Protein backbone atom coordinates (compact mmCIF):
# COMPACT_ATOMS: atom_id res chain seq x y z
CA UNK A 1 -2.74 -11.73 -17.01
CA UNK A 2 -1.87 -15.12 -17.58
CA UNK A 3 1.56 -14.19 -17.25
CA UNK A 4 0.88 -12.95 -14.21
CA UNK A 5 -1.04 -16.04 -12.24
CA UNK A 6 1.49 -18.35 -13.64
CA UNK A 7 4.27 -15.55 -12.40
CA UNK A 8 2.30 -15.96 -8.18
CA UNK A 9 2.02 -19.63 -8.60
CA UNK A 10 5.98 -19.77 -9.06
CA UNK A 11 6.85 -17.54 -6.16
CA UNK A 12 4.31 -18.48 -4.00
CA UNK A 13 6.24 -22.59 -4.71
CA UNK A 14 10.03 -21.19 -4.51
CA UNK A 15 9.45 -19.40 -1.44
CA UNK A 16 8.13 -21.66 0.31
CA UNK A 17 9.72 -25.24 -0.99
CA UNK A 18 12.94 -22.93 -0.19
CA UNK A 19 12.30 -22.81 3.53
CA UNK A 20 9.31 -24.04 4.86
CA UNK A 21 8.78 -26.71 2.85
CA UNK A 22 12.00 -27.81 4.22
CA UNK A 23 10.83 -29.05 7.08
CA UNK A 24 6.89 -29.42 6.94
CA UNK A 25 4.82 -30.91 4.10
CA UNK A 26 3.30 -28.12 2.51
CA UNK A 27 0.58 -28.02 0.47
CA UNK A 28 -0.84 -24.83 -2.29
CA UNK A 29 -4.73 -24.35 -1.86
CA UNK A 30 -7.12 -21.99 -2.91
CA UNK A 31 -8.62 -19.48 -0.97
CA UNK A 32 -12.30 -18.47 -1.58
CA UNK A 33 -13.45 -14.66 -1.05
CA UNK A 34 -15.85 -13.72 0.83
CA UNK A 35 -18.52 -11.49 -1.46
CA UNK A 36 -17.90 -8.22 0.52
CA UNK A 37 -16.74 -4.68 -0.26
CA UNK A 38 -14.17 -3.48 2.28
CA UNK A 39 -15.00 0.15 2.84
CA UNK A 40 -13.67 1.39 6.36
CA UNK A 41 -14.63 -1.95 7.81
CA UNK A 42 -12.79 -1.89 11.18
CA UNK A 43 -12.47 -5.82 11.12
CA UNK A 44 -10.18 -5.88 8.31
CA UNK A 45 -7.82 -3.70 9.70
CA UNK A 46 -5.23 -5.81 12.15
CA UNK A 47 -1.94 -6.35 12.28
CA UNK A 48 -2.19 -9.98 11.26
CA UNK A 49 -0.14 -9.68 8.87
CA UNK A 50 2.95 -8.49 10.50
CA UNK A 51 2.79 -8.27 14.53
CA UNK A 52 5.67 -5.75 14.22
CA UNK A 53 3.93 -3.12 13.03
CA UNK A 54 1.38 -2.37 15.84
CA UNK A 55 1.83 1.38 16.22
CA UNK A 56 1.21 2.56 20.08
CA UNK A 57 3.65 4.83 20.29
CA UNK A 58 2.56 8.64 20.49
CA UNK A 59 3.97 11.20 17.76
CA UNK A 60 2.90 14.17 18.93
CA UNK A 61 6.45 15.71 19.45
CA UNK A 62 7.16 14.35 15.82
CA UNK A 63 4.23 16.16 14.46
CA UNK A 64 4.68 18.82 16.06
CA UNK A 65 8.34 19.62 14.33
CA UNK A 66 7.27 19.70 11.31
CA UNK A 67 6.27 23.35 9.26
CA UNK A 68 3.05 21.93 8.83
CA UNK A 69 -0.12 19.84 10.57
CA UNK A 70 -2.40 17.85 8.49
CA UNK A 71 -5.88 17.55 9.96
CA UNK A 72 -7.68 14.17 8.79
CA UNK A 73 -11.53 13.64 9.17
CA UNK A 74 -13.06 9.78 7.60
CA UNK A 75 -15.77 10.68 4.55
CA UNK A 76 -17.10 7.74 5.27
CA UNK A 77 -18.41 5.82 7.79
CA UNK A 78 -18.23 1.98 8.67
CA UNK A 79 -21.53 -0.29 8.46
CA UNK A 80 -22.78 2.23 5.66
CA UNK A 81 -23.30 5.20 7.83
CA UNK A 82 -22.00 7.72 5.95
CA UNK A 83 -22.02 7.36 2.14
CA UNK A 84 -19.55 9.10 -0.75
CA UNK A 85 -22.12 11.78 -1.04
CA UNK A 86 -20.95 13.69 1.77
CA UNK A 87 -17.20 13.99 0.19
CA UNK A 88 -16.74 17.79 -0.66
CA UNK A 89 -19.20 18.90 2.01
CA UNK A 90 -17.03 21.11 3.93
CA UNK A 91 -16.49 25.10 2.59
CA UNK A 92 -12.88 24.02 4.44
CA UNK A 93 -11.83 21.51 3.29
CA UNK A 94 -8.12 21.81 1.26
CA UNK A 95 -7.89 17.91 -0.62
CA UNK A 96 -10.05 14.74 -0.63
CA UNK A 97 -7.87 11.82 -0.78
CA UNK A 98 -9.37 8.33 -1.66
CA UNK A 99 -6.66 6.02 0.26
CA UNK A 100 -6.12 2.01 -0.63
CA UNK A 101 -4.17 -0.60 0.58
CA UNK A 102 -3.29 -3.66 -2.23
CA UNK A 103 -4.69 -6.29 -2.37
CA UNK A 104 -3.42 -9.52 -0.81
CA UNK A 105 -0.16 -10.22 -2.49
CA UNK A 106 2.26 -13.26 -3.27
CA UNK A 107 3.84 -12.78 0.15
CA UNK A 108 0.88 -12.18 1.91
CA UNK A 109 -0.71 -16.11 1.15
CA UNK A 110 3.37 -17.17 2.30
CA UNK A 111 2.69 -15.53 5.43
CA UNK A 112 -0.53 -17.05 6.15
CA UNK A 113 0.18 -20.23 5.13
CA UNK A 114 3.68 -20.62 7.12
CA UNK A 115 1.81 -19.03 10.20
CA UNK A 116 -0.88 -21.82 9.67
CA UNK A 117 1.39 -24.45 9.39
CA UNK A 118 3.91 -23.51 12.11
CA UNK A 119 1.54 -22.59 14.46
CA UNK A 120 3.28 -18.98 15.16
CA UNK A 121 3.72 -15.70 13.03
CA UNK A 122 6.13 -15.73 10.49
CA UNK A 123 9.42 -13.90 12.02
CA UNK A 124 10.02 -10.66 9.34
CA UNK A 125 13.38 -9.51 11.35
CA UNK A 126 14.50 -13.32 10.93
CA UNK A 127 17.89 -12.73 8.76
CA UNK A 128 17.70 -16.31 7.37
CA UNK A 129 16.45 -17.12 4.68
CA UNK A 130 15.70 -21.02 5.22
CA UNK A 131 13.79 -19.20 8.55
CA UNK A 132 12.14 -16.20 6.59
CA UNK A 133 11.27 -16.80 2.81
CA UNK A 134 11.13 -12.91 2.70
CA UNK A 135 14.39 -12.85 1.91
CA UNK A 136 14.57 -15.03 -0.85
CA UNK A 137 14.90 -13.32 -4.61
CA UNK A 138 11.68 -15.09 -5.17
CA UNK A 139 9.49 -12.56 -4.03
CA UNK A 140 10.58 -9.36 -5.14
CA UNK A 141 7.93 -6.79 -5.80
CA UNK A 142 5.55 -9.34 -5.03
CA UNK A 143 2.27 -9.17 -7.19
CA UNK A 144 -1.60 -9.92 -6.56
CA UNK A 145 -2.87 -13.14 -6.14
CA UNK A 146 -5.85 -14.04 -7.41
CA UNK A 147 -7.88 -13.34 -4.06
CA UNK A 148 -5.99 -9.85 -4.33
CA UNK A 149 -7.32 -9.64 -7.80
CA UNK A 150 -10.90 -10.65 -6.45
CA UNK A 151 -10.75 -8.32 -3.60
CA UNK A 152 -9.91 -5.51 -5.89
CA UNK A 153 -12.39 -6.53 -7.98
CA UNK A 154 -14.69 -5.96 -5.60
CA UNK A 155 -13.70 -2.33 -4.72
CA UNK A 156 -14.14 -1.23 -7.90
CA UNK A 157 -18.15 -0.56 -7.80
CA UNK A 158 -17.08 1.98 -4.69
CA UNK A 159 -14.52 2.98 -6.97
CA UNK A 160 -16.54 3.92 -9.68
CA UNK A 161 -18.61 6.45 -7.79
CA UNK A 162 -15.85 8.47 -6.95
CA UNK A 163 -17.15 10.25 -9.98
CA UNK A 164 -15.03 13.99 -8.33
CA UNK A 165 -11.91 11.94 -8.74
CA UNK A 166 -9.39 13.87 -10.76
CA UNK A 167 -5.25 12.14 -10.12
CA UNK A 168 -4.55 8.36 -9.50
CA UNK A 169 -1.49 8.04 -7.46
CA UNK A 170 0.23 4.95 -7.30
CA UNK A 171 3.26 3.19 -5.10
CA UNK A 172 5.47 1.49 -8.19
CA UNK A 173 5.44 -1.95 -6.70
CA UNK A 174 3.93 -4.12 -8.70
CA UNK A 175 0.94 -5.27 -6.13
CA UNK A 176 0.13 -1.05 -5.92
CA UNK A 177 -0.43 -0.89 -9.40
CA UNK A 178 -2.11 -3.27 -10.01
CA UNK A 179 -4.60 -3.01 -7.58
CA UNK A 180 -5.30 0.51 -8.82
CA UNK A 181 -5.83 -0.70 -12.35
CA UNK A 182 -8.36 -3.21 -10.63
CA UNK A 183 -10.06 -1.20 -8.16
CA UNK A 184 -10.11 2.11 -10.24
CA UNK A 185 -9.97 0.65 -13.84
CA UNK A 186 -12.91 3.37 -14.62
CA UNK A 187 -10.93 5.90 -13.90
CA UNK A 188 -8.07 4.98 -16.41
CA UNK A 189 -7.40 7.55 -18.91
CA UNK A 190 -9.29 5.50 -22.09
CA UNK A 191 -12.45 4.87 -20.19
CA UNK A 192 -12.61 8.71 -19.06
CA UNK A 193 -16.14 10.06 -21.06
CA UNK A 194 -15.64 12.49 -23.49
CA UNK A 195 -17.27 15.28 -21.70
CA UNK A 196 -14.24 15.25 -18.95
CA UNK A 197 -10.47 15.46 -19.13
CA UNK A 198 -8.43 12.37 -18.78
CA UNK A 199 -7.34 11.14 -15.19
CA UNK A 200 -3.84 11.31 -14.91
CA UNK A 201 -1.92 8.35 -13.58
CA UNK A 202 1.76 8.45 -11.56
CA UNK A 203 3.63 6.72 -10.25
CA UNK A 204 5.62 8.12 -6.74
CA UNK A 205 8.56 7.01 -5.07
CA UNK A 206 6.95 8.46 -2.05
CA UNK A 207 4.74 6.14 -1.19
CA UNK A 208 6.47 2.28 -2.13
CA UNK A 209 6.65 0.12 1.51
CA UNK A 210 8.94 -0.16 3.96
CA UNK A 211 12.68 -0.88 2.88
CA UNK A 212 15.17 -2.71 3.91
CA UNK A 213 15.18 -6.32 4.43
CA UNK A 214 12.10 -8.07 2.86
CA UNK A 215 12.54 -8.54 -0.39
CA UNK A 216 9.15 -8.43 -1.51
CA UNK A 217 9.32 -4.59 -1.68
CA UNK A 218 12.16 -4.29 -3.28
CA UNK A 219 11.14 -3.41 -6.88
CA UNK A 220 11.68 -5.07 -10.07
CA UNK A 221 13.67 -3.22 -13.63
CA UNK A 222 11.69 -0.79 -14.01
CA UNK A 223 11.52 -1.41 -17.70
CA UNK A 224 9.10 -4.32 -16.85
CA UNK A 225 6.04 -2.33 -15.09
CA UNK A 226 6.55 -0.08 -17.95
CA UNK A 227 5.58 -2.71 -20.37
CA UNK A 228 2.68 -4.11 -18.16
CA UNK A 229 1.03 -0.42 -17.12
CA UNK A 230 2.16 2.13 -20.06
CA UNK A 231 -0.50 4.57 -19.30
CA UNK A 232 0.94 5.74 -15.95
CA UNK A 233 3.55 8.44 -15.59
CA UNK A 234 6.92 7.51 -14.44
CA UNK A 235 8.53 10.45 -14.83
CA UNK A 236 8.57 10.72 -10.69
CA UNK A 237 10.87 8.10 -10.31
CA UNK A 238 14.00 10.05 -11.49
CA UNK A 239 16.27 6.50 -10.60
CA UNK A 240 16.48 4.41 -13.47
CA UNK A 241 15.60 0.81 -14.55
CA UNK A 242 17.20 -0.74 -10.96
CA UNK A 243 15.63 0.18 -7.86
CA UNK A 244 18.60 2.71 -6.69
CA UNK A 245 16.60 3.76 -3.05
CA UNK A 246 16.20 0.30 -2.52
CA UNK A 247 19.86 -0.49 -3.04
CA UNK A 248 21.19 2.99 -1.57
CA UNK A 249 18.66 2.13 2.12
CA UNK A 250 20.79 -1.45 1.72
CA UNK A 251 24.40 0.16 1.98
CA UNK A 252 23.55 2.77 4.19
CA UNK A 253 22.35 0.71 7.07
CA UNK A 254 24.03 -2.41 6.72
CA UNK A 255 25.75 -3.73 9.43
CA UNK A 256 29.28 -5.61 9.46
CA UNK A 257 27.73 -8.65 8.65
CA UNK A 258 26.12 -6.79 5.50
CA UNK A 259 22.55 -7.39 6.97
CA UNK A 260 20.26 -3.69 6.16
CA UNK A 261 17.99 -2.48 8.83
CA UNK A 262 14.59 -2.15 7.95
CA UNK A 263 12.81 1.13 7.53
CA UNK A 264 11.29 2.58 10.97
CA UNK A 265 7.61 3.58 11.14
CA UNK A 266 9.24 7.16 12.13
CA UNK A 267 11.58 6.60 8.51
CA UNK A 268 8.42 5.86 7.18
CA UNK A 269 6.40 8.85 8.04
CA UNK A 270 9.28 11.23 6.97
CA UNK A 271 8.43 10.37 3.71
CA UNK A 272 4.37 9.88 3.85
CA UNK A 273 5.15 13.75 5.36
CA UNK A 274 7.23 14.97 2.01
CA UNK A 275 4.38 12.90 0.15
CA UNK A 276 1.56 14.94 1.58
CA UNK A 277 3.18 17.98 2.18
CA UNK A 278 5.52 19.19 -1.21
CA UNK A 279 3.35 16.76 -3.47
CA UNK A 280 -0.50 16.49 -2.85
CA UNK A 281 -0.68 19.47 -1.24
CA UNK A 282 0.62 21.44 -4.09
CA UNK A 283 -0.99 19.75 -6.45
CA UNK A 284 -4.01 21.77 -8.45
CA UNK A 285 -5.97 18.44 -8.13
CA UNK A 286 -8.76 18.96 -5.56
CA UNK A 287 -9.82 14.48 -5.08
CA UNK A 288 -6.69 12.42 -5.44
CA UNK A 289 -6.52 8.37 -5.23
CA UNK A 290 -3.37 7.45 -3.56
CA UNK A 291 -2.75 3.02 -3.63
CA UNK A 292 0.13 2.22 -1.59
CA UNK A 293 0.99 -0.12 1.32
CA UNK A 294 0.10 -1.35 5.13
CA UNK A 295 2.96 -0.52 6.58
CA UNK A 296 3.55 3.14 4.85
CA UNK A 297 -0.07 3.69 5.34
CA UNK A 298 -0.13 3.29 8.76
CA UNK A 299 3.02 5.46 9.14
CA UNK A 300 1.01 8.07 7.90
CA UNK A 301 -2.05 7.77 9.61
CA UNK A 302 -0.17 7.55 13.08
CA UNK A 303 2.78 10.10 12.79
CA UNK A 304 1.43 12.72 10.39
CA UNK A 305 -2.11 12.87 10.28
CA UNK A 306 -3.77 14.91 13.37
CA UNK A 307 -7.15 12.51 13.90
CA UNK A 308 -9.83 13.52 16.38
CA UNK A 309 -11.40 10.50 18.49
CA UNK A 310 -14.42 10.72 16.79
CA UNK A 311 -12.09 9.66 13.84
CA UNK A 312 -9.98 7.02 15.48
CA UNK A 313 -11.22 4.59 12.50
CA UNK A 314 -8.92 6.12 10.47
CA UNK A 315 -5.26 4.77 12.93
CA UNK A 316 -5.93 1.18 12.21
CA UNK A 317 -3.48 -0.94 9.68
CA UNK A 318 -5.64 -0.97 6.21
CA UNK A 319 -7.25 -4.46 5.15
CA UNK A 320 -6.16 -5.96 2.65
CA UNK A 321 -7.82 -3.64 -0.50
CA UNK A 322 -9.03 -1.59 1.99
CA UNK A 323 -10.68 1.84 1.04
CA UNK A 324 -10.45 4.93 3.18
CA UNK A 325 -11.66 8.81 1.68
CA UNK A 326 -10.16 11.15 4.24
CA UNK A 327 -10.65 15.07 4.10
CA UNK A 328 -7.16 16.41 4.35
CA UNK A 329 -6.67 20.07 5.64
CA UNK A 330 -3.45 21.82 5.78
CA UNK A 331 -1.95 23.81 8.72
CA UNK A 332 1.44 25.45 8.61
CA UNK A 333 2.75 25.89 12.32
């Protein structure tokens, strides 16, 4: 933990000193975290982390083009309406999935402080590293801040009550793995009660964050992650130590000037659909945890899942460390 905190401070200092601090006096400061559980919290679901991710497109045409429709129902309502006791109440359930976005990462804090200092949101489409610190190697595989760790710790009580969880799946990025380990600590294999089988933990490539230019989303060497999180199954990452998936995307989409394209909502929705239809659907487990990222989750809820007006709170962007429990029904078209 001490090493992670040192790395967090180093990332913030290096990234900001390399860009914003060149033109503005800048000081890092601790920001207090309100004591609350972020569970289906509508106020926490905003696009403040990246206004470019507003998802107002109707993707019905895309959903119709796929072999399977995936219907989603929110199992817990905001502001205390409903609770985890309604999980599994319907005989038509195929899968129950508890989706969580990671807590605040160092990149989120950089974005926040940049915006506060300049008065305008950081332009993540900017290709000049002096104007966009997310292009600097210092932010590769951004970890959680202390605030992010605290956000996840606040969710642990809710997660501990999800006694039916049979599988935990995380993105391979370190902030998602940290979030899963803090929030679902009671579900780690070595914490499983003796009368229950151990809960498997798996890292899956398909639920990682947007590929492209933002280096906070590039995975660090896998060997480093395996040392920090030894209890996780990495067999679904068949790409070796380096981030070959990222490198291939960069190579495939780079323009003449060498600048790659950011992955679109539509592109990420294909990954999300394949993950749900070809992995979650065929797994033997009925109740599963998935810990991922804001853009990937936005693509899934907007361009993959069928959601009724009654469950419209499924679709907004997830807040930091927010947890949404859904009932997914898979129907072949």
